[in-house]
Every structure is written in C-alpha cells, then in structure tokens.
Amino acid sequence: MTDEGYAHPELLWSPADLQARLGEANLRVVDVRTGEEYATGHVPGAIHFDLYGISLNDTSPAPLEAFIWMWGYLLEVRGIGLEHTLVFYEETSAFKAARGFWFLEYLGHTDVHVLNGGLRAWRAAGLPLTQEATPPKRKAVTPNRRPELLATYRDVLDAIGKPDKVILDTRTDDEWNGKWIRAARPGAVPGAVHLEWTNNLDAAGAFKPAAELRAMYEARGITPDKEVIPYCQGGYRSAHAYLALRLLGYPKLRNYLGSWKEWGDKTDLPIVEPWKE
C-alpha cells in the first residue's frame, strides 16, 4: 500500500497492492479511460467506465436528483455495488479516477481507492495487461448519500468571505486569468485561492508525498481547520484536489459539482477578474 506519510494511505493502492488482490470475488477494478484505450490493453478483470462528460451544470435540487439517478443506473449496468472494494485507474493518477473516487464516496461507498500512478505505474512494474473483457452482471445500487461532500452553487455563495471556509480554484492559469473562456463569463469565484490540480502530482503522474502536498496547500492558507470547497470547470479537477486533501486527512471537504460552467453561466452570481486585481 502506498504510504508517503499520508493520513489515509489506504486510499491509494500501488500496482503491487492491486496485483496481489486480483481475482478476489468482491473486487471491482474500474478503468475510466476511453473505450479505444481500454481495448488496446487493461488490467486483467477491469470493468470499463469512461465517466468523462457525465457532468451536471445546474446543482439545483431537481437536476441534481436526476443526475444521481443516472449515476446509479450507470453503476448498476456495470455491476458496481456499494459493498464492493473499488479501485479506479486511468493512465496516471489523474482527474477521471479522482472523480470516480469522490462520487462513490458521496454515494456512501466506504471501500474505494485509486491506483497510484495509474496504468503507467502498472506497466513500469512489469505487470500484465489483457484485451479480454467479460460483460459485468447487473447489480442494484441503493445510494446512501453523504450530502456534506458535495457543494451546490448556494453552498459556494454562502462560503464567500467566511474565515472558516476556503474556496479552491483548481483550473489552469489561462482559465483563472480569463484567457481561456469556457462559460458565459470569464473570471473566478470571489475570494477563491488558485492552485492548479496538476501540482498534486509528481513527474511520473503519481501523488506527491504528504509533506510536499501539505506544505503546498498550507502555504496558500488551505489548512485542515477550514472547510475546503474546490472547483474547476465541471467538477473533475476539483475532485482531484478533494482526493489529495483526503489523503492528508482534511476533515471538511465539499466538491463543487457544477463548478465554473454553472457559476460562470449564472449571471446573477458574483465574480472577480483576477487579471485585473
């Protein structure tokens, strides 16, 4: 099991950890890459679930309920239940695997993990790939939601200016600075702290050790005594920050699911333009 000084090292599995447990009846390994990538070779027994684009840009109650139902169905047809041990992976420890991790925790899963370093680390360890795929058996999913792990636009609005809360912008520099506009308005949530999600990873695509992560976040005032609400464009890269901070043991985390696509499109919500400050 990956350690690196994390408060919760069990959230990350090394390739050796995963290899040792392949074949366990209760294990579900989830490959979140594209179908083409999955077809060229994947971890033996892995289920394919490219979850990118399964997004929600309106966190009002009715759309959110429909979104949760859709996720439940997608998990059901892939035979993924809340009682299974889940391991998400992609090419590196990137944001699609983190998004799967966060959403399953939100649905009430208590045994979900990410392959640290992804398939790149699996290959580097000399472990086998296969092109064989077995259709999963459907499994009914009854979510046991943890609403404290998800932020709506109302939660973000309420957090602005609160000393015990920090809003974390995980987008690129160009998005933060208004050079890459991906919503009706460029800008940022007032008071947000900017730290691009890629800073969580080392050159090999695995999570940095705890000491490096902790120093990086605390230098920006993102400390464990505060509730942290990360956002990006659509709740993927922000889920990566959620996982990084979970590794460090931060107790109060809420991923803003709608993120900038929702916030920037809602013209009645306040924004700032960092490039003018």
C-alpha atoms as a PDB file:
ATOM      1  CA  MET A   1       0.000   0.000   0.000  1.00  0.00           C
ATOM      2  CA  THR A   2       1.229   3.481  -0.839  1.00  0.00           C
ATOM      3  CA  ASP A   3       2.256   5.410   2.293  1.00  0.00           C
ATOM      4  CA  GLU A   4       4.371   8.539   1.684  1.00  0.00           C
ATOM      5  CA  GLY A   5       3.314   9.892   5.092  1.00  0.00           C
ATOM      6  CA  TYR A   6      -0.373  10.285   4.220  1.00  0.00           C
ATOM      7  CA  ALA A   7      -3.015  10.377   6.937  1.00  0.00           C
ATOM      8  CA  HIS A   8      -5.058   7.951   4.800  1.00  0.00           C
ATOM      9  CA  PRO A   9      -2.604   5.896   2.725  1.00  0.00           C
ATOM     10  CA  GLU A  10      -5.249   3.209   2.218  1.00  0.00           C
ATOM     11  CA  LEU A  11      -6.971   5.420  -0.347  1.00  0.00           C
ATOM     12  CA  LEU A  12      -4.129   4.816  -2.812  1.00  0.00           C
ATOM     13  CA  TRP A  13      -3.125   1.348  -3.975  1.00  0.00           C
ATOM     14  CA  SER A  14       0.236   0.586  -5.519  1.00  0.00           C
ATOM     15  CA  PRO A  15       0.440  -1.728  -8.554  1.00  0.00           C
ATOM     16  CA  ALA A  16       1.730  -4.460  -6.210  1.00  0.00           C
ATOM     17  CA  ASP A  17      -1.283  -3.987  -3.926  1.00  0.00           C
ATOM     18  CA  LEU A  18      -3.685  -4.382  -6.827  1.00  0.00           C
ATOM     19  CA  GLN A  19      -1.829  -7.317  -8.381  1.00  0.00           C
ATOM     20  CA  ALA A  20      -1.944  -9.195  -5.070  1.00  0.00           C
ATOM     21  CA  ARG A  21      -5.730  -8.900  -4.885  1.00  0.00           C
ATOM     22  CA  LEU A  22      -6.764  -9.527  -8.477  1.00  0.00           C
ATOM     23  CA  GLY A  23      -9.309 -12.301  -8.642  1.00  0.00           C
ATOM     24  CA  GLU A  24     -10.949 -11.543  -5.296  1.00  0.00           C
ATOM     25  CA  ALA A  25     -14.693 -12.020  -5.640  1.00  0.00           C
ATOM     26  CA  ASN A  26     -15.542  -8.686  -4.049  1.00  0.00           C
ATOM     27  CA  LEU A  27     -13.015  -6.612  -6.013  1.00  0.00           C
ATOM     28  CA  ARG A  28     -14.089  -4.331  -8.848  1.00  0.00           C
ATOM     29  CA  VAL A  29     -11.340  -2.618 -10.845  1.00  0.00           C
ATOM     30  CA  VAL A  30     -12.668   0.284 -12.907  1.00  0.00           C
ATOM     31  CA  ASP A  31     -10.829   1.589 -15.991  1.00  0.00           C
ATOM     32  CA  VAL A  32     -12.024   5.141 -16.700  1.00  0.00           C
ATOM     33  CA  ARG A  33     -10.030   5.696 -19.901  1.00  0.00           C
ATOM     34  CA  THR A  34     -11.608   5.876 -23.356  1.00  0.00           C
ATOM     35  CA  GLY A  35     -13.004   2.741 -24.950  1.00  0.00           C
ATOM     36  CA  GLU A  36     -10.195   2.744 -27.503  1.00  0.00           C
ATOM     37  CA  GLU A  37      -7.563   2.846 -24.775  1.00  0.00           C
ATOM     38  CA  TYR A  38      -9.304   0.103 -22.813  1.00  0.00           C
ATOM     39  CA  ALA A  39      -9.468  -2.125 -25.913  1.00  0.00           C
ATOM     40  CA  THR A  40      -5.712  -1.924 -26.519  1.00  0.00           C
ATOM     41  CA  GLY A  41      -4.938  -3.361 -23.082  1.00  0.00           C
ATOM     42  CA  HIS A  42      -6.156  -3.075 -19.499  1.00  0.00           C
ATOM     43  CA  VAL A  43      -5.669  -4.549 -16.042  1.00  0.00           C
ATOM     44  CA  PRO A  44      -6.995  -8.129 -16.068  1.00  0.00           C
ATOM     45  CA  GLY A  45     -10.625  -8.212 -14.986  1.00  0.00           C
ATOM     46  CA  ALA A  46     -11.103  -4.432 -15.170  1.00  0.00           C
ATOM     47  CA  ILE A  47     -14.529  -3.012 -15.976  1.00  0.00           C
ATOM     48  CA  HIS A  48     -14.669  -0.173 -18.499  1.00  0.00           C
ATOM     49  CA  PHE A  49     -16.430   3.035 -17.428  1.00  0.00           C
ATOM     50  CA  ASP A  50     -15.348   6.221 -19.219  1.00  0.00           C
ATOM     51  CA  LEU A  51     -17.086   8.678 -16.919  1.00  0.00           C
ATOM     52  CA  TYR A  52     -15.785  11.863 -18.554  1.00  0.00           C
ATOM     53  CA  GLY A  53     -18.620  14.094 -19.720  1.00  0.00           C
ATOM     54  CA  ILE A  54     -21.114  12.735 -17.181  1.00  0.00           C
ATOM     55  CA  SER A  55     -21.467  16.197 -15.759  1.00  0.00           C
ATOM     56  CA  LEU A  56     -24.010  18.494 -14.151  1.00  0.00           C
ATOM     57  CA  ASN A  57     -24.053  22.227 -14.753  1.00  0.00           C
ATOM     58  CA  ASP A  58     -27.062  23.003 -12.574  1.00  0.00           C
ATOM     59  CA  THR A  59     -26.899  21.980  -8.919  1.00  0.00           C
ATOM     60  CA  SER A  60     -30.471  23.000  -8.166  1.00  0.00           C
ATOM     61  CA  PRO A  61     -32.362  20.184  -6.395  1.00  0.00           C
ATOM     62  CA  ALA A  62     -34.285  18.690  -9.347  1.00  0.00           C
ATOM     63  CA  PRO A  63     -31.351  18.412 -11.796  1.00  0.00           C
ATOM     64  CA  LEU A  64     -29.160  17.070  -9.005  1.00  0.00           C
ATOM     65  CA  GLU A  65     -31.667  14.325  -8.215  1.00  0.00           C
ATOM     66  CA  ALA A  66     -31.818  13.304 -11.881  1.00  0.00           C
ATOM     67  CA  PHE A  67     -28.036  13.261 -12.045  1.00  0.00           C
ATOM     68  CA  ILE A  68     -27.792  10.973  -9.003  1.00  0.00           C
ATOM     69  CA  TRP A  69     -30.335   8.607 -10.536  1.00  0.00           C
ATOM     70  CA  MET A  70     -28.342   8.481 -13.778  1.00  0.00           C
ATOM     71  CA  TRP A  71     -25.140   7.655 -11.912  1.00  0.00           C
ATOM     72  CA  GLY A  72     -26.901   4.887 -10.030  1.00  0.00           C
ATOM     73  CA  TYR A  73     -28.061   3.359 -13.309  1.00  0.00           C
ATOM     74  CA  LEU A  74     -24.601   3.568 -14.885  1.00  0.00           C
ATOM     75  CA  LEU A  75     -23.082   1.818 -11.881  1.00  0.00           C
ATOM     76  CA  GLU A  76     -25.835  -0.809 -11.885  1.00  0.00           C
ATOM     77  CA  VAL A  77     -25.284  -1.898 -15.500  1.00  0.00           C
ATOM     78  CA  ARG A  78     -21.557  -2.252 -14.773  1.00  0.00           C
ATOM     79  CA  GLY A  79     -22.179  -4.450 -11.751  1.00  0.00           C
ATOM     80  CA  ILE A  80     -20.651  -1.959  -9.319  1.00  0.00           C
ATOM     81  CA  GLY A  81     -22.240  -2.023  -5.873  1.00  0.00           C
ATOM     82  CA  LEU A  82     -21.538  -0.119  -2.686  1.00  0.00           C
ATOM     83  CA  GLU A  83     -20.449  -3.333  -0.978  1.00  0.00           C
ATOM     84  CA  HIS A  84     -17.566  -3.928  -3.408  1.00  0.00           C
ATOM     85  CA  THR A  85     -13.936  -2.980  -2.992  1.00  0.00           C
ATOM     86  CA  LEU A  86     -13.396  -0.483  -5.829  1.00  0.00           C
ATOM     87  CA  VAL A  87     -10.157   0.638  -7.464  1.00  0.00           C
ATOM     88  CA  PHE A  88     -10.316   3.358 -10.134  1.00  0.00           C
ATOM     89  CA  TYR A  89      -7.488   3.925 -12.572  1.00  0.00           C
ATOM     90  CA  GLU A  90      -6.529   5.716 -15.770  1.00  0.00           C
ATOM     91  CA  GLU A  91      -3.180   6.403 -17.440  1.00  0.00           C
ATOM     92  CA  THR A  92      -1.826   8.305 -14.403  1.00  0.00           C
ATOM     93  CA  SER A  93      -3.341   9.441 -11.099  1.00  0.00           C
ATOM     94  CA  ALA A  94      -5.447  11.957 -12.978  1.00  0.00           C
ATOM     95  CA  PHE A  95      -8.819  13.578 -12.533  1.00  0.00           C
ATOM     96  CA  LYS A  96     -11.185  10.985 -14.030  1.00  0.00           C
ATOM     97  CA  ALA A  97     -10.121   8.372 -11.487  1.00  0.00           C
ATOM     98  CA  ALA A  98     -10.365  11.015  -8.755  1.00  0.00           C
ATOM     99  CA  ARG A  99     -13.858  11.964  -9.956  1.00  0.00           C
ATOM    100  CA  GLY A 100     -14.958   8.338  -9.668  1.00  0.00           C
ATOM    101  CA  PHE A 101     -13.418   8.149  -6.207  1.00  0.00           C
ATOM    102  CA  TRP A 102     -15.166  11.300  -4.976  1.00  0.00           C
ATOM    103  CA  PHE A 103     -18.554  10.422  -6.419  1.00  0.00           C
ATOM    104  CA  LEU A 104     -18.563   6.936  -4.922  1.00  0.00           C
ATOM    105  CA  GLU A 105     -17.679   8.400  -1.532  1.00  0.00           C
ATOM    106  CA  TYR A 106     -20.539  10.863  -1.990  1.00  0.00           C
ATOM    107  CA  LEU A 107     -22.892   7.961  -2.738  1.00  0.00           C
ATOM    108  CA  GLY A 108     -21.851   6.358   0.553  1.00  0.00           C
ATOM    109  CA  HIS A 109     -19.132   3.943  -0.534  1.00  0.00           C
ATOM    110  CA  THR A 110     -16.597   3.216   2.207  1.00  0.00           C
ATOM    111  CA  ASP A 111     -14.082   0.997   0.368  1.00  0.00           C
ATOM    112  CA  VAL A 112     -12.984   2.934  -2.717  1.00  0.00           C
ATOM    113  CA  HIS A 113      -9.407   3.533  -3.906  1.00  0.00           C
ATOM    114  CA  VAL A 114      -7.273   4.877  -6.757  1.00  0.00           C
ATOM    115  CA  LEU A 115      -4.320   3.113  -8.393  1.00  0.00           C
ATOM    116  CA  ASN A 116      -1.445   5.461  -7.627  1.00  0.00           C
ATOM    117  CA  GLY A 117       0.453   6.294 -10.800  1.00  0.00           C
ATOM    118  CA  GLY A 118      -2.252   4.646 -12.896  1.00  0.00           C
ATOM    119  CA  LEU A 119      -1.578   2.295 -15.771  1.00  0.00           C
ATOM    120  CA  ARG A 120       1.788   3.963 -16.342  1.00  0.00           C
ATOM    121  CA  ALA A 121       2.949   2.664 -12.952  1.00  0.00           C
ATOM    122  CA  TRP A 122       1.375  -0.746 -13.653  1.00  0.00           C
ATOM    123  CA  ARG A 123       3.379  -1.081 -16.871  1.00  0.00           C
ATOM    124  CA  ALA A 124       6.547   0.207 -15.209  1.00  0.00           C
ATOM    125  CA  ALA A 125       6.203  -2.587 -12.640  1.00  0.00           C
ATOM    126  CA  GLY A 126       6.157  -5.131 -15.469  1.00  0.00           C
ATOM    127  CA  LEU A 127       2.638  -6.287 -14.687  1.00  0.00           C
ATOM    128  CA  PRO A 128       0.420  -7.881 -17.337  1.00  0.00           C
ATOM    129  CA  LEU A 129      -2.297  -6.333 -19.480  1.00  0.00           C
ATOM    130  CA  THR A 130      -5.099  -8.087 -21.324  1.00  0.00           C
ATOM    131  CA  GLN A 131      -7.545  -7.330 -24.118  1.00  0.00           C
ATOM    132  CA  GLU A 132     -10.096  -9.784 -22.790  1.00  0.00           C
ATOM    133  CA  ALA A 133     -13.319  -8.364 -21.386  1.00  0.00           C
ATOM    134  CA  THR A 134     -16.191 -10.090 -19.602  1.00  0.00           C
ATOM    135  CA  PRO A 135     -19.595  -8.364 -19.541  1.00  0.00           C
ATOM    136  CA  PRO A 136     -20.427  -7.459 -15.929  1.00  0.00           C
ATOM    137  CA  LYS A 137     -23.557  -8.718 -14.203  1.00  0.00           C
ATOM    138  CA  ARG A 138     -26.016  -6.007 -13.246  1.00  0.00           C
ATOM    139  CA  LYS A 139     -26.089  -5.013  -9.601  1.00  0.00           C
ATOM    140  CA  ALA A 140     -28.750  -2.833  -7.974  1.00  0.00           C
ATOM    141  CA  VAL A 141     -27.322   0.244  -6.260  1.00  0.00           C
ATOM    142  CA  THR A 142     -29.049   1.971  -3.356  1.00  0.00           C
ATOM    143  CA  PRO A 143     -27.114   5.163  -2.606  1.00  0.00           C
ATOM    144  CA  ASN A 144     -26.531   6.233   0.963  1.00  0.00           C
ATOM    145  CA  ARG A 145     -25.623   9.794   0.126  1.00  0.00           C
ATOM    146  CA  ARG A 146     -23.293  11.993   2.138  1.00  0.00           C
ATOM    147  CA  PRO A 147     -24.527  15.484   1.255  1.00  0.00           C
ATOM    148  CA  GLU A 148     -21.712  17.087   3.242  1.00  0.00           C
ATOM    149  CA  LEU A 149     -19.271  16.018   0.488  1.00  0.00           C
ATOM    150  CA  LEU A 150     -20.999  17.913  -2.321  1.00  0.00           C
ATOM    151  CA  ALA A 151     -21.298  21.671  -2.762  1.00  0.00           C
ATOM    152  CA  THR A 152     -24.010  23.380  -4.772  1.00  0.00           C
ATOM    153  CA  TYR A 153     -23.771  26.931  -6.021  1.00  0.00           C
ATOM    154  CA  ARG A 154     -25.714  28.005  -2.932  1.00  0.00           C
ATOM    155  CA  ASP A 155     -23.072  26.441  -0.679  1.00  0.00           C
ATOM    156  CA  VAL A 156     -20.316  28.267  -2.547  1.00  0.00           C
ATOM    157  CA  LEU A 157     -22.206  31.539  -2.364  1.00  0.00           C
ATOM    158  CA  ASP A 158     -22.585  31.077   1.381  1.00  0.00           C
ATOM    159  CA  ALA A 159     -18.853  30.334   1.760  1.00  0.00           C
ATOM    160  CA  ILE A 160     -17.649  33.612   0.215  1.00  0.00           C
ATOM    161  CA  GLY A 161     -15.933  35.751   2.829  1.00  0.00           C
ATOM    162  CA  LYS A 162     -16.253  33.200   5.621  1.00  0.00           C
ATOM    163  CA  PRO A 163     -12.962  32.862   7.580  1.00  0.00           C
ATOM    164  CA  ASP A 164     -13.578  29.192   8.346  1.00  0.00           C
ATOM    165  CA  LYS A 165     -14.048  28.265   4.680  1.00  0.00           C
ATOM    166  CA  VAL A 166     -11.777  28.378   1.658  1.00  0.00           C
ATOM    167  CA  ILE A 167     -12.824  28.158  -1.981  1.00  0.00           C
ATOM    168  CA  LEU A 168     -10.149  26.487  -4.113  1.00  0.00           C
ATOM    169  CA  ASP A 169      -9.892  27.108  -7.864  1.00  0.00           C
ATOM    170  CA  THR A 170      -8.090  24.145  -9.475  1.00  0.00           C
ATOM    171  CA  ARG A 171      -8.252  25.337 -13.099  1.00  0.00           C
ATOM    172  CA  THR A 172      -5.351  26.240 -15.372  1.00  0.00           C
ATOM    173  CA  ASP A 173      -3.629  29.619 -15.277  1.00  0.00           C
ATOM    174  CA  ASP A 174      -5.304  30.543 -18.579  1.00  0.00           C
ATOM    175  CA  GLU A 175      -8.769  29.815 -17.195  1.00  0.00           C
ATOM    176  CA  TRP A 176      -8.003  31.728 -13.995  1.00  0.00           C
ATOM    177  CA  ASN A 177      -6.640  34.693 -15.953  1.00  0.00           C
ATOM    178  CA  GLY A 178      -9.525  34.854 -18.425  1.00  0.00           C
ATOM    179  CA  LYS A 179      -7.508  33.797 -21.470  1.00  0.00           C
ATOM    180  CA  TRP A 180      -9.470  30.560 -21.882  1.00  0.00           C
ATOM    181  CA  ILE A 181     -13.189  31.303 -21.540  1.00  0.00           C
ATOM    182  CA  ARG A 182     -15.386  28.245 -21.032  1.00  0.00           C
ATOM    183  CA  ALA A 183     -18.624  29.760 -19.706  1.00  0.00           C
ATOM    184  CA  ALA A 184     -20.769  32.802 -20.363  1.00  0.00           C
ATOM    185  CA  ARG A 185     -18.335  34.862 -18.290  1.00  0.00           C
ATOM    186  CA  PRO A 186     -14.626  34.571 -17.574  1.00  0.00           C
ATOM    187  CA  GLY A 187     -13.376  35.089 -14.050  1.00  0.00           C
ATOM    188  CA  ALA A 188     -13.331  33.373 -10.693  1.00  0.00           C
ATOM    189  CA  VAL A 189     -15.410  32.985  -7.545  1.00  0.00           C
ATOM    190  CA  PRO A 190     -14.734  35.954  -5.219  1.00  0.00           C
ATOM    191  CA  GLY A 191     -12.072  35.148  -2.642  1.00  0.00           C
ATOM    192  CA  ALA A 192     -11.013  31.887  -4.302  1.00  0.00           C
ATOM    193  CA  VAL A 193      -7.443  30.621  -3.950  1.00  0.00           C
ATOM    194  CA  HIS A 194      -5.881  29.389  -7.194  1.00  0.00           C
ATOM    195  CA  LEU A 195      -3.833  26.177  -7.302  1.00  0.00           C
ATOM    196  CA  GLU A 196      -3.887  24.124 -10.498  1.00  0.00           C
ATOM    197  CA  TRP A 197      -4.692  20.455  -9.884  1.00  0.00           C
ATOM    198  CA  THR A 198      -1.561  19.184 -11.668  1.00  0.00           C
ATOM    199  CA  ASN A 199       0.517  20.440  -8.734  1.00  0.00           C
ATOM    200  CA  ASN A 200      -0.709  17.411  -6.763  1.00  0.00           C
ATOM    201  CA  LEU A 201       1.321  15.030  -8.947  1.00  0.00           C
ATOM    202  CA  ASP A 202       4.977  14.219  -9.432  1.00  0.00           C
ATOM    203  CA  ALA A 203       6.723  13.829 -12.790  1.00  0.00           C
ATOM    204  CA  ALA A 204       5.637  10.172 -13.052  1.00  0.00           C
ATOM    205  CA  GLY A 205       1.957  11.017 -12.605  1.00  0.00           C
ATOM    206  CA  ALA A 206       1.643   9.730  -9.020  1.00  0.00           C
ATOM    207  CA  PHE A 207       0.619  11.765  -5.985  1.00  0.00           C
ATOM    208  CA  LYS A 208       3.396  13.717  -4.320  1.00  0.00           C
ATOM    209  CA  PRO A 209       4.404  12.696  -0.779  1.00  0.00           C
ATOM    210  CA  ALA A 210       2.326  14.086   2.067  1.00  0.00           C
ATOM    211  CA  ALA A 211       4.937  16.579   3.252  1.00  0.00           C
ATOM    212  CA  GLU A 212       5.081  18.238  -0.184  1.00  0.00           C
ATOM    213  CA  LEU A 213       1.311  18.329  -0.565  1.00  0.00           C
ATOM    214  CA  ARG A 214       0.763  19.669   2.934  1.00  0.00           C
ATOM    215  CA  ALA A 215       3.347  22.431   2.551  1.00  0.00           C
ATOM    216  CA  MET A 216       1.901  23.427  -0.820  1.00  0.00           C
ATOM    217  CA  TYR A 217      -1.653  23.763   0.484  1.00  0.00           C
ATOM    218  CA  GLU A 218      -0.837  25.333   3.824  1.00  0.00           C
ATOM    219  CA  ALA A 219       1.337  27.975   2.118  1.00  0.00           C
ATOM    220  CA  ARG A 220      -1.865  29.154   0.450  1.00  0.00           C
ATOM    221  CA  GLY A 221      -3.896  29.206   3.646  1.00  0.00           C
ATOM    222  CA  ILE A 222      -5.649  25.927   2.885  1.00  0.00           C
ATOM    223  CA  THR A 223      -5.469  24.327   6.314  1.00  0.00           C
ATOM    224  CA  PRO A 224      -7.282  21.370   7.945  1.00  0.00           C
ATOM    225  CA  ASP A 225      -9.256  23.599  10.326  1.00  0.00           C
ATOM    226  CA  LYS A 226     -11.210  25.058   7.402  1.00  0.00           C
ATOM    227  CA  GLU A 227     -13.897  23.644   5.168  1.00  0.00           C
ATOM    228  CA  VAL A 228     -12.393  23.444   1.678  1.00  0.00           C
ATOM    229  CA  ILE A 229     -14.591  23.736  -1.421  1.00  0.00           C
ATOM    230  CA  PRO A 230     -12.646  23.028  -4.624  1.00  0.00           C
ATOM    231  CA  TYR A 231     -13.998  23.807  -8.073  1.00  0.00           C
ATOM    232  CA  CYS A 232     -12.814  23.690 -11.680  1.00  0.00           C
ATOM    233  CA  GLN A 233     -14.852  23.710 -14.908  1.00  0.00           C
ATOM    234  CA  GLY A 234     -17.063  20.693 -14.318  1.00  0.00           C
ATOM    235  CA  GLY A 235     -16.140  19.039 -11.014  1.00  0.00           C
ATOM    236  CA  TYR A 236     -13.380  16.716 -12.254  1.00  0.00           C
ATOM    237  CA  ARG A 237     -10.126  18.504 -11.445  1.00  0.00           C
ATOM    238  CA  SER A 238     -11.704  19.707  -8.217  1.00  0.00           C
ATOM    239  CA  ALA A 239     -12.316  16.042  -7.326  1.00  0.00           C
ATOM    240  CA  HIS A 240      -8.564  15.575  -7.684  1.00  0.00           C
ATOM    241  CA  ALA A 241      -7.971  18.241  -5.033  1.00  0.00           C
ATOM    242  CA  TYR A 242     -10.616  16.509  -2.903  1.00  0.00           C
ATOM    243  CA  LEU A 243      -8.628  13.260  -3.090  1.00  0.00           C
ATOM    244  CA  ALA A 244      -5.304  14.996  -2.363  1.00  0.00           C
ATOM    245  CA  LEU A 245      -6.758  16.624   0.729  1.00  0.00           C
ATOM    246  CA  ARG A 246      -8.446  13.390   1.806  1.00  0.00           C
ATOM    247  CA  LEU A 247      -5.016  11.757   1.699  1.00  0.00           C
ATOM    248  CA  LEU A 248      -3.792  14.460   4.069  1.00  0.00           C
ATOM    249  CA  GLY A 249      -6.686  13.912   6.460  1.00  0.00           C
ATOM    250  CA  TYR A 250      -8.591  17.153   5.882  1.00  0.00           C
ATOM    251  CA  PRO A 251     -11.953  16.535   7.573  1.00  0.00           C
ATOM    252  CA  LYS A 252     -14.210  19.075   5.842  1.00  0.00           C
ATOM    253  CA  LEU A 253     -14.276  18.838   2.051  1.00  0.00           C
ATOM    254  CA  ARG A 254     -17.036  19.571  -0.447  1.00  0.00           C
ATOM    255  CA  ASN A 255     -16.530  19.205  -4.186  1.00  0.00           C
ATOM    256  CA  TYR A 256     -18.425  21.887  -6.134  1.00  0.00           C
ATOM    257  CA  LEU A 257     -20.064  19.671  -8.736  1.00  0.00           C
ATOM    258  CA  GLY A 258     -21.362  22.420 -11.040  1.00  0.00           C
ATOM    259  CA  SER A 259     -18.077  24.342 -10.870  1.00  0.00           C
ATOM    260  CA  TRP A 260     -17.265  27.250 -13.193  1.00  0.00           C
ATOM    261  CA  LYS A 261     -19.577  26.137 -16.001  1.00  0.00           C
ATOM    262  CA  GLU A 262     -22.515  26.616 -13.659  1.00  0.00           C
ATOM    263  CA  TRP A 263     -21.136  29.647 -11.810  1.00  0.00           C
ATOM    264  CA  GLY A 264     -19.982  31.488 -14.915  1.00  0.00           C
ATOM    265  CA  ASP A 265     -23.265  30.880 -16.714  1.00  0.00           C
ATOM    266  CA  LYS A 266     -25.421  32.126 -13.834  1.00  0.00           C
ATOM    267  CA  THR A 267     -25.150  35.840 -14.484  1.00  0.00           C
ATOM    268  CA  ASP A 268     -26.682  36.741 -11.114  1.00  0.00           C
ATOM    269  CA  LEU A 269     -23.749  35.198  -9.211  1.00  0.00           C
ATOM    270  CA  PRO A 270     -20.767  37.392  -8.246  1.00  0.00           C
ATOM    271  CA  ILE A 271     -17.410  37.044  -9.964  1.00  0.00           C
ATOM    272  CA  VAL A 272     -13.979  38.634  -9.829  1.00  0.00           C
ATOM    273  CA  GLU A 273     -11.491  39.086 -12.683  1.00  0.00           C
ATOM    274  CA  PRO A 274      -8.099  38.054 -11.267  1.00  0.00           C
ATOM    275  CA  TRP A 275      -6.158  39.536 -14.195  1.00  0.00           C
ATOM    276  CA  LYS A 276      -7.404  42.989 -13.173  1.00  0.00           C
ATOM    277  CA  GLU A 277      -6.531  42.688  -9.497  1.00  0.00           C
END
